[in-house]
PDB file of N, CA and C in Angstrom:
ATOM      1  N   MET A   1       0.815  -1.186   0.000  1.00  0.00           N
ATOM      2  CA  MET A   1       0.000   0.000   0.000  1.00  0.00           C
ATOM      3  C   MET A   1       0.867   1.261   0.000  1.00  0.00           C
ATOM      4  N   ILE A   2       1.926   1.251   0.794  1.00  0.00           N
ATOM      5  CA  ILE A   2       2.806   2.404   0.866  1.00  0.00           C
ATOM      6  C   ILE A   2       3.520   2.604  -0.473  1.00  0.00           C
ATOM      7  N   ARG A   3       3.917   1.497  -1.136  1.00  0.00           N
ATOM      8  CA  ARG A   3       4.575   1.614  -2.429  1.00  0.00           C
ATOM      9  C   ARG A   3       3.643   2.248  -3.461  1.00  0.00           C
ATOM     10  N   ALA A   4       2.393   1.877  -3.466  1.00  0.00           N
ATOM     11  CA  ALA A   4       1.431   2.429  -4.420  1.00  0.00           C
ATOM     12  C   ALA A   4       1.246   3.924  -4.173  1.00  0.00           C
ATOM     13  N   LEU A   5       1.221   4.363  -2.930  1.00  0.00           N
ATOM     14  CA  LEU A   5       1.071   5.767  -2.589  1.00  0.00           C
ATOM     15  C   LEU A   5       2.290   6.564  -3.042  1.00  0.00           C
ATOM     16  N   ASN A   6       3.503   6.073  -2.809  1.00  0.00           N
ATOM     17  CA  ASN A   6       4.718   6.750  -3.269  1.00  0.00           C
ATOM     18  C   ASN A   6       4.767   6.831  -4.798  1.00  0.00           C
ATOM     19  N   ASN A   7       4.322   5.778  -5.457  1.00  0.00           N
ATOM     20  CA  ASN A   7       4.308   5.743  -6.920  1.00  0.00           C
ATOM     21  C   ASN A   7       3.340   6.801  -7.469  1.00  0.00           C
ATOM     22  N   GLN A   8       2.179   6.973  -6.810  1.00  0.00           N
ATOM     23  CA  GLN A   8       1.205   7.969  -7.233  1.00  0.00           C
ATOM     24  C   GLN A   8       1.753   9.379  -7.027  1.00  0.00           C
ATOM     25  N   ARG A   9       2.485   9.600  -5.946  1.00  0.00           N
ATOM     26  CA  ARG A   9       3.096  10.923  -5.711  1.00  0.00           C
ATOM     27  C   ARG A   9       4.106  11.251  -6.798  1.00  0.00           C
ATOM     28  N   GLY A  10       4.898  10.266  -7.190  1.00  0.00           N
ATOM     29  CA  GLY A  10       5.900  10.478  -8.245  1.00  0.00           C
ATOM     30  C   GLY A  10       5.250  10.823  -9.563  1.00  0.00           C
ATOM     31  N   ILE A  11       4.180  10.136  -9.892  1.00  0.00           N
ATOM     32  CA  ILE A  11       3.454  10.420 -11.134  1.00  0.00           C
ATOM     33  C   ILE A  11       2.813  11.800 -11.070  1.00  0.00           C
ATOM     34  N   SER A  12       2.288  12.172  -9.926  1.00  0.00           N
ATOM     35  CA  SER A  12       1.663  13.489  -9.758  1.00  0.00           C
ATOM     36  C   SER A  12       2.685  14.610  -9.951  1.00  0.00           C
ATOM     37  N   ILE A  13       3.885  14.431  -9.409  1.00  0.00           N
ATOM     38  CA  ILE A  13       4.931  15.451  -9.563  1.00  0.00           C
ATOM     39  C   ILE A  13       5.334  15.575 -11.033  1.00  0.00           C
ATOM     40  N   ILE A  14       5.518  14.443 -11.703  1.00  0.00           N
ATOM     41  CA  ILE A  14       5.875  14.466 -13.129  1.00  0.00           C
ATOM     42  C   ILE A  14       4.768  15.132 -13.936  1.00  0.00           C
ATOM     43  N   PHE A  15       3.511  14.803 -13.626  1.00  0.00           N
ATOM     44  CA  PHE A  15       2.382  15.414 -14.332  1.00  0.00           C
ATOM     45  C   PHE A  15       2.325  16.923 -14.086  1.00  0.00           C
ATOM     46  N   ALA A  16       2.580  17.358 -12.846  1.00  0.00           N
ATOM     47  CA  ALA A  16       2.561  18.789 -12.516  1.00  0.00           C
ATOM     48  C   ALA A  16       3.679  19.522 -13.262  1.00  0.00           C
ATOM     49  N   ILE A  17       4.868  18.951 -13.286  1.00  0.00           N
ATOM     50  CA  ILE A  17       5.988  19.583 -14.003  1.00  0.00           C
ATOM     51  C   ILE A  17       5.681  19.668 -15.499  1.00  0.00           C
ATOM     52  N   PHE A  18       5.146  18.602 -16.073  1.00  0.00           N
ATOM     53  CA  PHE A  18       4.790  18.599 -17.493  1.00  0.00           C
ATOM     54  C   PHE A  18       3.736  19.668 -17.791  1.00  0.00           C
ATOM     55  N   THR A  19       2.728  19.778 -16.926  1.00  0.00           N
ATOM     56  CA  THR A  19       1.667  20.777 -17.113  1.00  0.00           C
ATOM     57  C   THR A  19       2.233  22.190 -17.043  1.00  0.00           C
ATOM     58  N   LEU A  20       3.101  22.477 -16.068  1.00  0.00           N
ATOM     59  CA  LEU A  20       3.712  23.800 -15.957  1.00  0.00           C
ATOM     60  C   LEU A  20       4.583  24.116 -17.173  1.00  0.00           C
ATOM     61  N   LEU A  21       5.321  23.136 -17.651  1.00  0.00           N
ATOM     62  CA  LEU A  21       6.159  23.322 -18.832  1.00  0.00           C
ATOM     63  C   LEU A  21       5.300  23.627 -20.051  1.00  0.00           C
ATOM     64  N   LEU A  22       4.220  22.905 -20.218  1.00  0.00           N
ATOM     65  CA  LEU A  22       3.311  23.128 -21.342  1.00  0.00           C
ATOM     66  C   LEU A  22       2.680  24.521 -21.269  1.00  0.00           C
ATOM     67  N   LEU A  23       2.240  24.932 -20.093  1.00  0.00           N
ATOM     68  CA  LEU A  23       1.667  26.276 -19.928  1.00  0.00           C
ATOM     69  C   LEU A  23       2.705  27.361 -20.196  1.00  0.00           C
ATOM     70  N   GLY A  24       3.940  27.132 -19.788  1.00  0.00           N
ATOM     71  CA  GLY A  24       5.016  28.092 -20.058  1.00  0.00           C
ATOM     72  C   GLY A  24       5.263  28.267 -21.548  1.00  0.00           C
ATOM     73  N   ILE A  25       5.250  27.172 -22.277  1.00  0.00           N
ATOM     74  CA  ILE A  25       5.443  27.253 -23.731  1.00  0.00           C
ATOM     75  C   ILE A  25       4.293  28.006 -24.394  1.00  0.00           C
ATOM     76  N   ILE A  26       3.080  27.725 -23.974  1.00  0.00           N
ATOM     77  CA  ILE A  26       1.909  28.418 -24.528  1.00  0.00           C
ATOM     78  C   ILE A  26       1.978  29.909 -24.224  1.00  0.00           C
ATOM     79  N   MET A  27       2.343  30.277 -23.000  1.00  0.00           N
ATOM     80  CA  MET A  27       2.434  31.699 -22.629  1.00  0.00           C
ATOM     81  C   MET A  27       3.535  32.406 -23.424  1.00  0.00           C
ATOM     82  N   ALA A  28       4.676  31.752 -23.615  1.00  0.00           N
ATOM     83  CA  ALA A  28       5.766  32.352 -24.394  1.00  0.00           C
ATOM     84  C   ALA A  28       5.322  32.590 -25.839  1.00  0.00           C
ATOM     85  N   ALA A  29       4.577  31.659 -26.405  1.00  0.00           N
ATOM     86  CA  ALA A  29       4.075  31.821 -27.772  1.00  0.00           C
ATOM     87  C   ALA A  29       3.096  32.984 -27.859  1.00  0.00           C
ATOM     88  N   LEU A  30       2.226  33.127 -26.868  1.00  0.00           N
ATOM     89  CA  LEU A  30       1.266  34.235 -26.856  1.00  0.00           C
ATOM     90  C   LEU A  30       1.963  35.588 -26.726  1.00  0.00           C
ATOM     91  N   VAL A  31       2.963  35.664 -25.872  1.00  0.00           N
ATOM     92  CA  VAL A  31       3.701  36.918 -25.703  1.00  0.00           C
ATOM     93  C   VAL A  31       4.389  37.302 -27.015  1.00  0.00           C
ATOM     94  N   GLY A  32       5.006  36.328 -27.679  1.00  0.00           N
ATOM     95  CA  GLY A  32       5.645  36.588 -28.966  1.00  0.00           C
ATOM     96  C   GLY A  32       4.663  37.058 -30.012  1.00  0.00           C
ATOM     97  N   LEU A  33       3.497  36.434 -30.067  1.00  0.00           N
ATOM     98  CA  LEU A  33       2.463  36.817 -31.025  1.00  0.00           C
ATOM     99  C   LEU A  33       1.973  38.229 -30.770  1.00  0.00           C
ATOM    100  N   LEU A  34       1.719  38.563 -29.528  1.00  0.00           N
ATOM    101  CA  LEU A  34       1.218  39.897 -29.195  1.00  0.00           C
ATOM    102  C   LEU A  34       2.254  40.976 -29.464  1.00  0.00           C
ATOM    103  N   SER A  35       3.522  40.716 -29.196  1.00  0.00           N
ATOM    104  CA  SER A  35       4.543  41.728 -29.458  1.00  0.00           C
ATOM    105  C   SER A  35       4.712  41.945 -30.959  1.00  0.00           C
ATOM    106  N   ASN A  36       4.588  40.885 -31.768  1.00  0.00           N
ATOM    107  CA  ASN A  36       4.647  41.044 -33.221  1.00  0.00           C
ATOM    108  C   ASN A  36       3.480  41.866 -33.738  1.00  0.00           C
ATOM    109  N   LYS A  37       2.303  41.676 -33.157  1.00  0.00           N
ATOM    110  CA  LYS A  37       1.143  42.462 -33.562  1.00  0.00           C
ATOM    111  C   LYS A  37       1.339  43.936 -33.226  1.00  0.00           C
ATOM    112  N   ALA A  38       1.933  44.240 -32.090  1.00  0.00           N
ATOM    113  CA  ALA A  38       2.168  45.630 -31.700  1.00  0.00           C
ATOM    114  C   ALA A  38       3.140  46.292 -32.663  1.00  0.00           C
ATOM    115  N   ILE A  39       4.202  45.592 -33.049  1.00  0.00           N
ATOM    116  CA  ILE A  39       5.162  46.138 -34.006  1.00  0.00           C
ATOM    117  C   ILE A  39       4.490  46.357 -35.354  1.00  0.00           C
ATOM    118  N   SER A  40       3.690  45.411 -35.785  1.00  0.00           N
ATOM    119  CA  SER A  40       2.991  45.517 -37.062  1.00  0.00           C
ATOM    120  C   SER A  40       2.032  46.707 -37.058  1.00  0.00           C
ATOM    121  N   SER A  41       1.331  46.922 -35.966  1.00  0.00           N
ATOM    122  CA  SER A  41       0.403  48.048 -35.861  1.00  0.00           C
ATOM    123  C   SER A  41       1.144  49.378 -35.913  1.00  0.00           C
ATOM    124  N   ALA A  42       2.289  49.462 -35.254  1.00  0.00           N
ATOM    125  CA  ALA A  42       3.075  50.698 -35.273  1.00  0.00           C
ATOM    126  C   ALA A  42       3.589  50.999 -36.676  1.00  0.00           C
ATOM    127  N   GLU A  43       4.043  49.967 -37.393  1.00  0.00           N
ATOM    128  CA  GLU A  43       4.523  50.174 -38.761  1.00  0.00           C
ATOM    129  C   GLU A  43       3.385  50.590 -39.686  1.00  0.00           C
ATOM    130  N   GLU A  44       2.207  50.031 -39.486  1.00  0.00           N
ATOM    131  CA  GLU A  44       1.056  50.407 -40.303  1.00  0.00           C
ATOM    132  C   GLU A  44       0.669  51.862 -40.055  1.00  0.00           C
ATOM    133  N   LEU A  45       0.740  52.306 -38.815  1.00  0.00           N
ATOM    134  CA  LEU A  45       0.448  53.700 -38.486  1.00  0.00           C
ATOM    135  C   LEU A  45       1.437  54.634 -39.168  1.00  0.00           C
ATOM    136  N   LEU A  46       2.739  54.315 -39.099  1.00  0.00           N
ATOM    137  CA  LEU A  46       3.754  55.150 -39.750  1.00  0.00           C
ATOM    138  C   LEU A  46       3.577  55.160 -41.260  1.00  0.00           C
ATOM    139  N   SER A  47       3.214  54.017 -41.826  1.00  0.00           N
ATOM    140  CA  SER A  47       2.986  53.937 -43.267  1.00  0.00           C
ATOM    141  C   SER A  47       1.820  54.829 -43.683  1.00  0.00           C
ATOM    142  N   THR A  48       0.762  54.828 -42.906  1.00  0.00           N
ATOM    143  CA  THR A  48      -0.393  55.680 -43.194  1.00  0.00           C
ATOM    144  C   THR A  48      -0.022  57.156 -43.072  1.00  0.00           C
ATOM    145  N   GLN A  49       0.760  57.506 -42.059  1.00  0.00           N
ATOM    146  CA  GLN A  49       1.185  58.895 -41.904  1.00  0.00           C
ATOM    147  C   GLN A  49       2.068  59.324 -43.076  1.00  0.00           C
ATOM    148  N   ALA A  50       2.944  58.433 -43.548  1.00  0.00           N
ATOM    149  CA  ALA A  50       3.798  58.748 -44.700  1.00  0.00           C
ATOM    150  C   ALA A  50       2.947  58.957 -45.949  1.00  0.00           C
ATOM    151  N   LEU A  51       1.887  58.158 -46.108  1.00  0.00           N
ATOM    152  CA  LEU A  51       0.976  58.347 -47.240  1.00  0.00           C
ATOM    153  C   LEU A  51       0.290  59.706 -47.162  1.00  0.00           C
ATOM    154  N   PHE A  52      -0.158  60.106 -45.983  1.00  0.00           N
ATOM    155  CA  PHE A  52      -0.788  61.418 -45.820  1.00  0.00           C
ATOM    156  C   PHE A  52       0.188  62.535 -46.166  1.00  0.00           C
ATOM    157  N   LEU A  53       1.458  62.377 -45.780  1.00  0.00           N
ATOM    158  CA  LEU A  53       2.459  63.373 -46.138  1.00  0.00           C
ATOM    159  C   LEU A  53       2.623  63.456 -47.658  1.00  0.00           C
ATOM    160  N   ALA A  54       2.659  62.308 -48.320  1.00  0.00           N
ATOM    161  CA  ALA A  54       2.799  62.297 -49.780  1.00  0.00           C
ATOM    162  C   ALA A  54       1.605  62.989 -50.437  1.00  0.00           C
ATOM    163  N   GLU A  55       0.405  62.722 -49.948  1.00  0.00           N
ATOM    164  CA  GLU A  55      -0.783  63.379 -50.487  1.00  0.00           C
ATOM    165  C   GLU A  55      -0.755  64.875 -50.224  1.00  0.00           C
ATOM    166  N   THR A  56      -0.236  65.264 -49.068  1.00  0.00           N
ATOM    167  CA  THR A  56      -0.088  66.683 -48.752  1.00  0.00           C
ATOM    168  C   THR A  56       0.864  67.346 -49.734  1.00  0.00           C
ATOM    169  N   GLY A  57       1.923  66.650 -50.129  1.00  0.00           N
ATOM    170  CA  GLY A  57       2.868  67.180 -51.113  1.00  0.00           C
ATOM    171  C   GLY A  57       2.204  67.483 -52.437  1.00  0.00           C
ATOM    172  N   VAL A  58       1.281  66.635 -52.865  1.00  0.00           N
ATOM    173  CA  VAL A  58       0.536  66.893 -54.107  1.00  0.00           C
ATOM    174  C   VAL A  58      -0.298  68.156 -53.954  1.00  0.00           C
ATOM    175  N   GLU A  59      -0.980  68.277 -52.835  1.00  0.00           N
ATOM    176  CA  GLU A  59      -1.799  69.472 -52.584  1.00  0.00           C
ATOM    177  C   GLU A  59      -0.950  70.734 -52.561  1.00  0.00           C
ATOM    178  N   ILE A  60       0.216  70.670 -51.939  1.00  0.00           N
ATOM    179  CA  ILE A  60       1.113  71.833 -51.900  1.00  0.00           C
ATOM    180  C   ILE A  60       1.538  72.218 -53.306  1.00  0.00           C
ATOM    181  N   ALA A  61       1.922  71.226 -54.120  1.00  0.00           N
ATOM    182  CA  ALA A  61       2.372  71.506 -55.486  1.00  0.00           C
ATOM    183  C   ALA A  61       1.273  72.174 -56.306  1.00  0.00           C
ATOM    184  N   ILE A  62       0.051  71.687 -56.167  1.00  0.00           N
ATOM    185  CA  ILE A  62      -1.059  72.271 -56.925  1.00  0.00           C
ATOM    186  C   ILE A  62      -1.380  73.673 -56.407  1.00  0.00           C
ATOM    187  N   ASN A  63      -1.479  73.850 -55.093  1.00  0.00           N
ATOM    188  CA  ASN A  63      -1.839  75.146 -54.515  1.00  0.00           C
ATOM    189  C   ASN A  63      -0.774  76.215 -54.748  1.00  0.00           C
ATOM    190  N   GLU A  64       0.507  75.819 -54.742  1.00  0.00           N
ATOM    191  CA  GLU A  64       1.580  76.790 -54.982  1.00  0.00           C
ATOM    192  C   GLU A  64       1.854  76.976 -56.472  1.00  0.00           C
ATOM    193  N   GLY A  65       1.203  76.183 -57.293  1.00  0.00           N
ATOM    194  CA  GLY A  65       1.379  76.310 -58.737  1.00  0.00           C
ATOM    195  C   GLY A  65       2.775  75.932 -59.206  1.00  0.00           C
ATOM    196  N   LEU A  66       3.366  74.916 -58.574  1.00  0.00           N
ATOM    197  CA  LEU A  66       4.702  74.496 -58.982  1.00  0.00           C
ATOM    198  C   LEU A  66       4.666  74.001 -60.424  1.00  0.00           C
ATOM    199  N   GLY A  67       5.634  74.443 -61.225  1.00  0.00           N
ATOM    200  CA  GLY A  67       5.657  74.094 -62.639  1.00  0.00           C
ATOM    201  C   GLY A  67       6.694  73.055 -62.969  1.00  0.00           C
ATOM    202  N   ASP A  68       6.868  72.854 -64.268  1.00  0.00           N
ATOM    203  CA  ASP A  68       7.795  71.849 -64.779  1.00  0.00           C
ATOM    204  C   ASP A  68       9.198  72.045 -64.200  1.00  0.00           C
ATOM    205  N   GLY A  69       9.786  70.964 -63.736  1.00  0.00           N
ATOM    206  CA  GLY A  69      11.143  71.003 -63.197  1.00  0.00           C
ATOM    207  C   GLY A  69      11.236  71.312 -61.715  1.00  0.00           C
ATOM    208  N   ALA A  70      10.100  71.564 -61.083  1.00  0.00           N
ATOM    209  CA  ALA A  70      10.132  71.862 -59.647  1.00  0.00           C
ATOM    210  C   ALA A  70      10.617  70.638 -58.877  1.00  0.00           C
ATOM    211  N   ASP A  71      11.491  70.880 -57.923  1.00  0.00           N
ATOM    212  CA  ASP A  71      12.055  69.822 -57.081  1.00  0.00           C
ATOM    213  C   ASP A  71      12.169  70.408 -55.679  1.00  0.00           C
ATOM    214  N   GLU A  72      11.162  70.166 -54.866  1.00  0.00           N
ATOM    215  CA  GLU A  72      11.079  70.803 -53.546  1.00  0.00           C
ATOM    216  C   GLU A  72      11.043  69.756 -52.432  1.00  0.00           C
ATOM    217  N   THR A  73      11.605  70.124 -51.290  1.00  0.00           N
ATOM    218  CA  THR A  73      11.548  69.284 -50.104  1.00  0.00           C
ATOM    219  C   THR A  73      10.974  70.115 -48.961  1.00  0.00           C
ATOM    220  N   TYR A  74       9.989  69.560 -48.281  1.00  0.00           N
ATOM    221  CA  TYR A  74       9.350  70.225 -47.153  1.00  0.00           C
ATOM    222  C   TYR A  74       9.559  69.357 -45.913  1.00  0.00           C
ATOM    223  N   ILE A  75       9.884  69.990 -44.816  1.00  0.00           N
ATOM    224  CA  ILE A  75      10.108  69.265 -43.568  1.00  0.00           C
ATOM    225  C   ILE A  75       8.961  69.560 -42.618  1.00  0.00           C
ATOM    226  N   PHE A  76       8.339  68.489 -42.140  1.00  0.00           N
ATOM    227  CA  PHE A  76       7.281  68.606 -41.151  1.00  0.00           C
ATOM    228  C   PHE A  76       7.771  67.996 -39.853  1.00  0.00           C
ATOM    229  N   GLN A  77       7.010  68.165 -38.787  1.00  0.00           N
ATOM    230  CA  GLN A  77       7.450  67.684 -37.482  1.00  0.00           C
ATOM    231  C   GLN A  77       7.675  66.183 -37.448  1.00  0.00           C
ATOM    232  N   SER A  78       6.903  65.425 -38.205  1.00  0.00           N
ATOM    233  CA  SER A  78       7.027  63.973 -38.132  1.00  0.00           C
ATOM    234  C   SER A  78       7.761  63.359 -39.318  1.00  0.00           C
ATOM    235  N   GLY A  79       8.082  64.129 -40.331  1.00  0.00           N
ATOM    236  CA  GLY A  79       8.738  63.558 -41.505  1.00  0.00           C
ATOM    237  C   GLY A  79       9.015  64.604 -42.563  1.00  0.00           C
ATOM    238  N   THR A  80       9.277  64.124 -43.770  1.00  0.00           N
ATOM    239  CA  THR A  80       9.579  65.021 -44.884  1.00  0.00           C
ATOM    240  C   THR A  80       8.725  64.676 -46.101  1.00  0.00           C
ATOM    241  N   ILE A  81       8.598  65.674 -46.973  1.00  0.00           N
ATOM    242  CA  ILE A  81       7.896  65.508 -48.241  1.00  0.00           C
ATOM    243  C   ILE A  81       8.848  65.948 -49.339  1.00  0.00           C
ATOM    244  N   HIS A  82       9.000  65.114 -50.352  1.00  0.00           N
ATOM    245  CA  HIS A  82       9.813  65.480 -51.502  1.00  0.00           C
ATOM    246  C   HIS A  82       8.890  65.495 -52.717  1.00  0.00           C
ATOM    247  N   VAL A  83       8.860  66.648 -53.427  1.00  0.00           N
ATOM    248  CA  VAL A  83       7.942  66.840 -54.545  1.00  0.00           C
ATOM    249  C   VAL A  83       8.738  67.098 -55.820  1.00  0.00           C
ATOM    250  N   LEU A  84       8.421  66.340 -56.859  1.00  0.00           N
ATOM    251  CA  LEU A  84       8.981  66.545 -58.200  1.00  0.00           C
ATOM    252  C   LEU A  84       7.837  66.810 -59.160  1.00  0.00           C
ATOM    253  N   VAL A  85       8.016  67.811 -60.048  1.00  0.00           N
ATOM    254  CA  VAL A  85       7.002  68.117 -61.049  1.00  0.00           C
ATOM    255  C   VAL A  85       7.667  68.062 -62.413  1.00  0.00           C
ATOM    256  N   GLU A  86       7.023  67.364 -63.345  1.00  0.00           N
ATOM    257  CA  GLU A  86       7.549  67.334 -64.703  1.00  0.00           C
ATOM    258  C   GLU A  86       6.404  67.438 -65.698  1.00  0.00           C
ATOM    259  N   LYS A  87       6.711  68.053 -66.833  1.00  0.00           N
ATOM    260  CA  LYS A  87       5.726  68.213 -67.894  1.00  0.00           C
ATOM    261  C   LYS A  87       5.701  66.936 -68.729  1.00  0.00           C
ATOM    262  N   LEU A  88       4.505  66.420 -68.952  1.00  0.00           N
ATOM    263  CA  LEU A  88       4.350  65.212 -69.750  1.00  0.00           C
ATOM    264  C   LEU A  88       4.030  65.521 -71.205  1.00  0.00           C
ATOM    265  N   GLY A  89       3.465  66.679 -71.449  1.00  0.00           N
ATOM    266  CA  GLY A  89       3.099  67.058 -72.813  1.00  0.00           C
ATOM    267  C   GLY A  89       1.959  68.052 -72.784  1.00  0.00           C
ATOM    268  N   ASP A  90       1.337  68.230 -73.956  1.00  0.00           N
ATOM    269  CA  ASP A  90       0.215  69.163 -74.090  1.00  0.00           C
ATOM    270  C   ASP A  90      -1.014  68.427 -74.584  1.00  0.00           C
ATOM    271  N   LEU A  91      -2.177  68.871 -74.127  1.00  0.00           N
ATOM    272  CA  LEU A  91      -3.445  68.329 -74.572  1.00  0.00           C
ATOM    273  C   LEU A  91      -4.405  69.491 -74.729  1.00  0.00           C
ATOM    274  N   ASP A  92      -4.899  69.691 -75.929  1.00  0.00           N
ATOM    275  CA  ASP A  92      -5.808  70.812 -76.206  1.00  0.00           C
ATOM    276  C   ASP A  92      -5.196  72.139 -75.766  1.00  0.00           C
ATOM    277  N   LYS A  93      -3.937  72.334 -76.103  1.00  0.00           N
ATOM    278  CA  LYS A  93      -3.188  73.565 -75.813  1.00  0.00           C
ATOM    279  C   LYS A  93      -2.972  73.808 -74.318  1.00  0.00           C
ATOM    280  N   LEU A  94      -3.227  72.806 -73.496  1.00  0.00           N
ATOM    281  CA  LEU A  94      -2.945  72.903 -72.063  1.00  0.00           C
ATOM    282  C   LEU A  94      -1.888  71.868 -71.717  1.00  0.00           C
ATOM    283  N   GLU A  95      -0.933  72.292 -70.899  1.00  0.00           N
ATOM    284  CA  GLU A  95       0.117  71.348 -70.536  1.00  0.00           C
ATOM    285  C   GLU A  95      -0.393  70.328 -69.514  1.00  0.00           C
ATOM    286  N   ILE A  96       0.166  69.149 -69.569  1.00  0.00           N
ATOM    287  CA  ILE A  96      -0.147  68.110 -68.599  1.00  0.00           C
ATOM    288  C   ILE A  96       1.080  67.908 -67.735  1.00  0.00           C
ATOM    289  N   LEU A  97       0.902  68.059 -66.435  1.00  0.00           N
ATOM    290  CA  LEU A  97       2.005  67.909 -65.487  1.00  0.00           C
ATOM    291  C   LEU A  97       1.818  66.635 -64.673  1.00  0.00           C
ATOM    292  N   GLN A  98       2.948  66.083 -64.264  1.00  0.00           N
ATOM    293  CA  GLN A  98       2.917  64.958 -63.336  1.00  0.00           C
ATOM    294  C   GLN A  98       3.616  65.383 -62.058  1.00  0.00           C
ATOM    295  N   ILE A  99       2.927  65.195 -60.959  1.00  0.00           N
ATOM    296  CA  ILE A  99       3.509  65.478 -59.644  1.00  0.00           C
ATOM    297  C   ILE A  99       3.821  64.138 -58.996  1.00  0.00           C
ATOM    298  N   GLU A 100       5.055  63.998 -58.568  1.00  0.00           N
ATOM    299  CA  GLU A 100       5.443  62.807 -57.809  1.00  0.00           C
ATOM    300  C   GLU A 100       5.846  63.290 -56.422  1.00  0.00           C
ATOM    301  N   SER A 101       5.109  62.842 -55.439  1.00  0.00           N
ATOM    302  CA  SER A 101       5.342  63.278 -54.069  1.00  0.00           C
ATOM    303  C   SER A 101       5.643  62.060 -53.198  1.00  0.00           C
ATOM    304  N   THR A 102       6.733  62.155 -52.430  1.00  0.00           N
ATOM    305  CA  THR A 102       7.132  61.067 -51.543  1.00  0.00           C
ATOM    306  C   THR A 102       7.096  61.557 -50.101  1.00  0.00           C
ATOM    307  N   GLY A 103       6.327  60.872 -49.279  1.00  0.00           N
ATOM    308  CA  GLY A 103       6.274  61.166 -47.854  1.00  0.00           C
ATOM    309  C   GLY A 103       7.168  60.177 -47.114  1.00  0.00           C
ATOM    310  N   THR A 104       7.983  60.683 -46.210  1.00  0.00           N
ATOM    311  CA  THR A 104       8.933  59.839 -45.487  1.00  0.00           C
ATOM    312  C   THR A 104       8.813  60.077 -43.991  1.00  0.00           C
ATOM    313  N   ILE A 105       8.686  58.984 -43.254  1.00  0.00           N
ATOM    314  CA  ILE A 105       8.744  59.025 -41.792  1.00  0.00           C
ATOM    315  C   ILE A 105       9.692  57.905 -41.386  1.00  0.00           C
ATOM    316  N   GLY A 106      10.794  58.271 -40.765  1.00  0.00           N
ATOM    317  CA  GLY A 106      11.791  57.269 -40.400  1.00  0.00           C
ATOM    318  C   GLY A 106      12.333  56.606 -41.651  1.00  0.00           C
ATOM    319  N   ASP A 107      12.217  55.302 -41.738  1.00  0.00           N
ATOM    320  CA  ASP A 107      12.678  54.593 -42.927  1.00  0.00           C
ATOM    321  C   ASP A 107      11.518  54.113 -43.802  1.00  0.00           C
ATOM    322  N   ILE A 108      10.329  54.667 -43.556  1.00  0.00           N
ATOM    323  CA  ILE A 108       9.148  54.293 -44.332  1.00  0.00           C
ATOM    324  C   ILE A 108       8.830  55.388 -45.335  1.00  0.00           C
ATOM    325  N   ASN A 109       8.741  54.996 -46.617  1.00  0.00           N
ATOM    326  CA  ASN A 109       8.429  55.935 -47.701  1.00  0.00           C
ATOM    327  C   ASN A 109       7.129  55.524 -48.365  1.00  0.00           C
ATOM    328  N   ARG A 110       6.304  56.514 -48.699  1.00  0.00           N
ATOM    329  CA  ARG A 110       5.106  56.275 -49.509  1.00  0.00           C
ATOM    330  C   ARG A 110       5.116  57.301 -50.628  1.00  0.00           C
ATOM    331  N   ARG A 111       4.808  56.864 -51.844  1.00  0.00           N
ATOM    332  CA  ARG A 111       4.878  57.731 -53.017  1.00  0.00           C
ATOM    333  C   ARG A 111       3.512  57.816 -53.684  1.00  0.00           C
ATOM    334  N   VAL A 112       3.195  59.038 -54.149  1.00  0.00           N
ATOM    335  CA  VAL A 112       1.954  59.293 -54.875  1.00  0.00           C
ATOM    336  C   VAL A 112       2.320  60.011 -56.168  1.00  0.00           C
ATOM    337  N   ARG A 113       1.732  59.564 -57.287  1.00  0.00           N
ATOM    338  CA  ARG A 113       1.915  60.246 -58.576  1.00  0.00           C
ATOM    339  C   ARG A 113       0.549  60.699 -59.073  1.00  0.00           C
ATOM    340  N   VAL A 114       0.509  61.953 -59.499  1.00  0.00           N
ATOM    341  CA  VAL A 114      -0.746  62.532 -59.980  1.00  0.00           C
ATOM    342  C   VAL A 114      -0.467  63.262 -61.283  1.00  0.00           C
ATOM    343  N   LYS A 115      -1.338  63.063 -62.271  1.00  0.00           N
ATOM    344  CA  LYS A 115      -1.267  63.817 -63.521  1.00  0.00           C
ATOM    345  C   LYS A 115      -2.420  64.793 -63.508  1.00  0.00           C
ATOM    346  N   TYR A 116      -2.128  66.049 -63.899  1.00  0.00           N
ATOM    347  CA  TYR A 116      -3.201  67.040 -63.901  1.00  0.00           C
ATOM    348  C   TYR A 116      -2.898  68.143 -64.889  1.00  0.00           C
ATOM    349  N   ARG A 117      -3.947  68.904 -65.191  1.00  0.00           N
ATOM    350  CA  ARG A 117      -3.805  70.083 -66.051  1.00  0.00           C
ATOM    351  C   ARG A 117      -4.025  71.320 -65.198  1.00  0.00           C
ATOM    352  N   PRO A 118      -3.042  72.183 -65.120  1.00  0.00           N
ATOM    353  CA  PRO A 118      -3.210  73.395 -64.301  1.00  0.00           C
ATOM    354  C   PRO A 118      -4.197  74.373 -64.893  1.00  0.00           C
TER     355      PRO A 118
END
C-alpha cells in the first residue's frame, strides 16, 4: 500500500511539471504573437502617416502652382515631403504635369503620382 502511494506521488509530480512546462510554452508563444502584432500596428500607423504626407505634397504643389522642373523638399514635425514636377506634354493647348510626391517618416516611404492640367 505504501509503495502504491509513493508511486502515485511520483506520477503526480511528473504530471505537474509537465503541465507547468506546457503552460510556459503556450504563454511564451502568446507573448511573442502579441509583441509582433504591436510592431505591425506601429509600422502600419507610420505607413499611413507617410501616405498622408505624400498626399499633402501633391496638394502643396497644386496650390503653390509648382511648374515643370520643380524639385522641392518640405520638412514637417514627423517627416519630410519630396515633390517633383515634370511636364508630360500638351493636350488641347494645355500642358499636362505629373507630380510625384514622396512622404517619409523614419525609414518608411510612400509615393503618390498625380497627372493634372493646371
